[in-house]
N, C-alpha and C. Protein backbone atom coordinates (compact mmCIF):
# COMPACT_ATOMS: atom_id res chain seq x y z
N MET A 1 60.95 65.29 -135.52
CA MET A 1 60.59 66.24 -134.87
C MET A 1 60.05 65.90 -133.52
N SER A 2 59.68 64.56 -133.53
CA SER A 2 59.31 64.17 -132.11
C SER A 2 60.53 63.80 -131.24
N LYS A 3 61.42 63.47 -131.92
CA LYS A 3 62.65 63.37 -131.01
C LYS A 3 63.22 64.56 -130.44
N ARG A 4 63.26 65.41 -131.46
CA ARG A 4 63.41 66.88 -130.81
C ARG A 4 62.54 67.14 -129.57
N ARG A 5 61.39 67.14 -130.07
CA ARG A 5 60.40 67.45 -128.57
C ARG A 5 60.69 66.60 -127.54
N ALA A 6 60.84 65.59 -127.45
CA ALA A 6 61.23 64.54 -126.34
C ALA A 6 62.58 65.05 -125.77
N LYS A 7 63.53 65.44 -126.52
CA LYS A 7 64.54 65.81 -125.92
C LYS A 7 64.59 67.00 -125.20
N ARG A 8 63.81 67.88 -125.75
CA ARG A 8 63.40 69.21 -125.26
C ARG A 8 62.74 69.19 -123.88
N ARG A 9 61.73 68.26 -123.97
CA ARG A 9 60.93 67.86 -122.89
C ARG A 9 61.68 67.38 -121.60
N GLY A 10 62.62 66.40 -122.04
CA GLY A 10 63.51 65.80 -121.12
C GLY A 10 64.32 66.85 -120.45
N GLY A 11 65.00 67.79 -121.29
CA GLY A 11 65.78 68.84 -120.75
C GLY A 11 65.04 69.78 -119.82
N THR A 12 63.92 70.12 -120.20
CA THR A 12 62.94 70.97 -119.41
C THR A 12 62.41 70.42 -118.16
N LEU A 13 62.33 69.07 -118.18
CA LEU A 13 61.99 68.45 -116.91
C LEU A 13 63.09 68.56 -116.09
N SER A 14 64.16 68.25 -116.35
CA SER A 14 65.39 68.16 -115.62
C SER A 14 65.70 69.43 -115.04
N VAL A 15 65.57 70.48 -115.77
CA VAL A 15 65.79 71.75 -115.42
C VAL A 15 64.50 72.18 -114.33
N SER A 16 63.46 71.78 -114.67
CA SER A 16 62.30 72.04 -113.56
C SER A 16 62.59 71.21 -112.19
N ILE A 17 63.05 70.14 -112.19
CA ILE A 17 63.26 69.45 -110.98
C ILE A 17 64.51 70.03 -110.20
N ILE A 18 65.46 70.29 -110.91
CA ILE A 18 66.47 71.09 -110.21
C ILE A 18 66.20 72.33 -109.59
N VAL A 19 65.32 73.19 -110.28
CA VAL A 19 64.87 74.59 -109.64
C VAL A 19 63.97 74.17 -108.29
N ILE A 20 63.18 73.21 -108.51
CA ILE A 20 62.39 73.04 -107.49
C ILE A 20 63.07 72.40 -106.25
N ALA A 21 64.14 71.49 -106.59
CA ALA A 21 65.05 71.00 -105.46
C ALA A 21 65.70 72.25 -104.86
N PHE A 22 66.13 73.18 -105.62
CA PHE A 22 66.79 74.17 -105.21
C PHE A 22 65.88 75.41 -104.02
N LEU A 23 64.53 75.63 -104.70
CA LEU A 23 63.57 76.22 -104.05
C LEU A 23 63.43 75.61 -102.54
N VAL A 24 63.26 74.10 -102.68
CA VAL A 24 62.95 73.30 -101.38
C VAL A 24 64.17 73.60 -100.36
N VAL A 25 65.35 73.53 -100.94
CA VAL A 25 66.48 73.78 -100.11
C VAL A 25 66.42 75.19 -99.51
N MET A 26 66.15 76.22 -100.41
CA MET A 26 66.15 77.47 -99.85
C MET A 26 65.16 77.77 -98.64
N VAL A 27 63.86 77.10 -98.95
CA VAL A 27 62.96 77.23 -98.01
C VAL A 27 63.28 76.68 -96.58
N VAL A 28 63.86 75.68 -96.66
CA VAL A 28 64.35 74.88 -95.66
C VAL A 28 65.41 75.78 -94.56
N GLN A 29 66.36 76.49 -95.55
CA GLN A 29 67.22 77.30 -94.78
C GLN A 29 66.62 78.45 -94.31
N VAL A 30 65.66 79.04 -94.87
CA VAL A 30 64.99 80.42 -94.40
C VAL A 30 64.18 79.82 -93.16
N VAL A 31 63.62 78.84 -93.06
CA VAL A 31 63.06 78.23 -91.80
C VAL A 31 63.86 78.16 -90.66
N GLN A 32 65.27 77.62 -91.19
CA GLN A 32 66.18 77.37 -89.97
C GLN A 32 66.74 78.78 -89.28
N LEU A 33 66.71 79.65 -90.30
CA LEU A 33 67.35 81.09 -89.85
C LEU A 33 66.35 81.79 -89.12
N LYS A 34 65.07 81.55 -89.51
CA LYS A 34 64.13 82.25 -88.66
C LYS A 34 64.06 81.77 -87.32
N GLN A 35 64.20 80.51 -87.04
CA GLN A 35 64.42 79.78 -85.92
C GLN A 35 65.39 80.28 -85.16
N LYS A 36 66.61 80.34 -85.74
CA LYS A 36 67.80 80.61 -84.97
C LYS A 36 67.62 82.31 -84.52
N GLU A 37 67.30 82.83 -85.49
CA GLU A 37 66.89 84.64 -85.27
C GLU A 37 66.02 84.66 -84.18
N SER A 38 64.82 83.77 -84.01
CA SER A 38 63.88 84.20 -82.72
C SER A 38 64.92 83.82 -81.40
N THR A 39 65.63 82.66 -81.67
CA THR A 39 66.47 82.01 -80.36
C THR A 39 67.36 83.23 -80.25
N TYR A 40 68.00 83.82 -81.09
CA TYR A 40 69.10 84.97 -80.60
C TYR A 40 68.24 86.29 -79.96
N ALA A 41 67.00 86.42 -80.58
CA ALA A 41 66.20 87.53 -80.12
C ALA A 41 65.97 87.40 -78.77
N ALA A 42 65.40 86.05 -78.21
CA ALA A 42 65.16 86.07 -76.81
C ALA A 42 66.44 86.11 -76.08
N GLN A 43 67.57 85.42 -76.50
CA GLN A 43 68.91 85.63 -75.77
C GLN A 43 69.31 87.04 -75.70
N LYS A 44 69.00 87.88 -76.52
CA LYS A 44 69.41 89.03 -76.38
C LYS A 44 68.56 89.76 -75.37
N ALA A 45 67.42 89.59 -75.37
CA ALA A 45 66.38 90.10 -74.34
C ALA A 45 67.04 89.89 -73.10
N GLU A 46 67.44 88.61 -72.75
CA GLU A 46 67.54 88.11 -71.46
C GLU A 46 68.93 88.65 -71.12
N LEU A 47 69.91 88.91 -71.91
CA LEU A 47 71.04 89.55 -71.51
C LEU A 47 70.86 90.88 -71.36
N GLU A 48 70.08 91.78 -72.01
CA GLU A 48 69.80 93.11 -71.81
C GLU A 48 68.99 93.29 -70.50
N LYS A 49 68.26 92.26 -69.90
CA LYS A 49 67.58 92.39 -68.63
C LYS A 49 68.80 92.17 -67.62
N GLN A 50 69.77 91.31 -67.83
CA GLN A 50 70.83 91.07 -66.88
C GLN A 50 71.63 92.15 -66.74
N TYR A 51 71.74 92.89 -67.88
CA TYR A 51 72.75 94.31 -67.96
C TYR A 51 72.07 95.21 -67.05
N THR A 52 70.98 95.23 -67.50
CA THR A 52 70.12 96.30 -66.54
C THR A 52 70.15 96.07 -65.29
N LYS A 53 69.94 94.84 -64.90
CA LYS A 53 69.82 94.49 -63.46
C LYS A 53 71.55 94.53 -62.95
N GLU A 54 72.41 94.34 -63.52
CA GLU A 54 73.76 94.36 -63.06
C GLU A 54 74.21 96.15 -63.07
N SER A 55 73.79 96.69 -63.98
CA SER A 55 73.98 98.20 -63.71
C SER A 55 73.13 98.72 -62.37
N GLU A 56 72.16 98.24 -62.41
CA GLU A 56 71.47 98.75 -60.94
C GLU A 56 72.24 98.51 -60.04
N ARG A 57 72.82 97.28 -59.84
CA ARG A 57 73.55 96.79 -58.76
C ARG A 57 74.74 97.57 -58.85
N ALA A 58 75.38 97.75 -59.72
CA ALA A 58 76.70 98.65 -59.81
C ALA A 58 76.52 99.78 -59.08
N ASP A 59 75.35 100.47 -59.39
CA ASP A 59 74.79 101.80 -58.75
C ASP A 59 74.75 101.89 -57.50
N GLU A 60 74.09 100.73 -56.76
CA GLU A 60 73.83 100.47 -55.40
C GLU A 60 75.31 100.28 -54.64
N ILE A 61 76.20 99.86 -55.48
CA ILE A 61 77.44 99.48 -54.82
C ILE A 61 78.15 100.63 -54.87
N GLU A 62 77.97 101.47 -55.92
CA GLU A 62 78.73 102.84 -55.78
C GLU A 62 78.25 103.80 -54.78
N SER A 63 76.74 103.85 -54.64
CA SER A 63 76.44 104.66 -53.48
C SER A 63 76.80 104.25 -52.29
N MET A 64 76.80 102.84 -52.08
CA MET A 64 77.18 102.28 -50.78
C MET A 64 78.52 102.50 -50.39
N GLN A 65 79.52 102.72 -51.47
CA GLN A 65 80.97 102.86 -51.25
C GLN A 65 80.86 104.56 -50.48
N GLN A 66 80.24 105.22 -51.62
CA GLN A 66 80.37 106.60 -51.14
C GLN A 66 79.81 106.95 -49.76
N TYR A 67 78.92 106.20 -49.25
CA TYR A 67 78.30 106.27 -47.91
C TYR A 67 79.33 105.99 -47.06
N MET A 68 79.93 104.76 -47.28
CA MET A 68 80.91 104.28 -46.48
C MET A 68 82.10 105.04 -46.15
N GLN A 69 82.43 106.27 -47.19
CA GLN A 69 83.56 106.92 -46.95
C GLN A 69 83.10 108.08 -46.33
N SER A 70 81.84 108.41 -45.96
CA SER A 70 81.50 109.70 -45.31
C SER A 70 81.47 109.68 -43.78
N ASP A 71 81.47 110.89 -43.40
CA ASP A 71 81.34 110.97 -41.98
C ASP A 71 80.15 110.39 -41.11
N GLN A 72 78.79 110.51 -41.83
CA GLN A 72 77.84 110.00 -41.31
C GLN A 72 77.94 108.55 -41.04
N TYR A 73 78.62 107.60 -42.15
CA TYR A 73 78.97 106.29 -42.04
C TYR A 73 79.58 105.99 -40.58
N LYS A 74 80.67 106.70 -40.49
CA LYS A 74 81.57 106.50 -39.12
C LYS A 74 80.87 106.75 -37.93
N GLU A 75 80.04 107.90 -37.99
CA GLU A 75 79.32 108.27 -36.79
C GLU A 75 78.16 106.96 -36.51
N ASP A 76 77.52 106.52 -37.57
CA ASP A 76 76.61 105.49 -37.56
C ASP A 76 77.18 104.30 -36.80
N ILE A 77 78.28 103.56 -37.34
CA ILE A 77 79.10 102.73 -36.91
C ILE A 77 79.52 102.85 -35.31
N ALA A 78 80.10 104.07 -35.01
CA ALA A 78 80.58 104.58 -33.76
C ALA A 78 79.42 104.24 -32.72
N LYS A 79 78.24 104.76 -33.08
CA LYS A 79 76.97 104.57 -32.30
C LYS A 79 76.60 103.23 -32.14
N SER A 80 76.39 102.59 -33.25
CA SER A 80 75.73 101.40 -33.34
C SER A 80 76.60 100.13 -32.72
N LYS A 81 77.78 100.08 -33.17
CA LYS A 81 78.88 99.06 -32.89
C LYS A 81 79.52 99.44 -31.38
N LEU A 82 80.00 100.46 -31.29
CA LEU A 82 80.93 100.96 -30.43
C LEU A 82 80.17 101.45 -29.04
N GLY A 83 78.97 101.83 -29.37
CA GLY A 83 78.56 102.62 -28.07
C GLY A 83 78.70 104.18 -27.77
N LEU A 84 79.34 104.59 -28.97
CA LEU A 84 79.86 106.03 -28.43
C LEU A 84 79.02 107.08 -28.81
N ALA A 85 79.12 108.25 -28.24
CA ALA A 85 78.13 109.38 -28.41
C ALA A 85 78.89 110.82 -28.26
N TYR A 86 78.25 111.76 -28.62
CA TYR A 86 78.86 112.97 -28.52
C TYR A 86 78.54 113.35 -27.11
N ASP A 87 79.50 114.50 -26.45
CA ASP A 87 79.25 115.00 -25.30
C ASP A 87 77.86 115.47 -25.00
N ASN A 88 77.26 116.08 -25.82
CA ASN A 88 76.04 116.70 -25.42
C ASN A 88 75.03 115.62 -25.91
N GLU A 89 74.99 114.41 -26.18
CA GLU A 89 73.89 113.40 -26.53
C GLU A 89 73.59 112.93 -25.29
N ILE A 90 72.46 112.32 -25.31
CA ILE A 90 71.76 111.47 -24.20
C ILE A 90 71.29 110.15 -24.74
N ILE A 91 71.63 109.07 -24.48
CA ILE A 91 71.22 107.93 -24.86
C ILE A 91 70.67 106.92 -23.98
N PHE A 92 69.42 106.66 -24.42
CA PHE A 92 68.52 105.90 -23.53
C PHE A 92 68.55 104.37 -24.12
N LYS A 93 68.83 103.47 -23.01
CA LYS A 93 68.75 102.06 -23.54
C LYS A 93 67.55 101.43 -22.65
N GLU A 94 67.11 100.42 -23.07
CA GLU A 94 65.98 99.66 -22.41
C GLU A 94 66.84 98.51 -21.54
N LYS A 95 66.12 98.50 -20.56
CA LYS A 95 66.63 97.34 -19.65
C LYS A 95 66.14 95.97 -20.05
N ASP A 96 66.85 95.00 -19.95
CA ASP A 96 66.55 93.63 -20.25
C ASP A 96 65.39 93.14 -18.97
N LYS A 97 64.49 92.66 -19.25
CA LYS A 97 63.63 92.05 -18.22
C LYS A 97 63.84 90.61 -18.07
């Protein structure tokens, strides 16, 4: 009987060691996955921030493009760069001192 118990105890000890080793490996894997998850969450937040910024920039470019195709833009350029004016407009210029 004592041989049986010794054999049984050895088998139980072996199984216990294997289970504990398996649990340790699983805990290490879970910790690594949590770290990766937090890294990916930070990257996602940064990318969403960049996406929002670029979307706003695209909207600004779109509105600027619409403005540049308007008659108001053409008038502004004609007045500022070319010095043109309508017949009924009076333009006052400062004298350089």
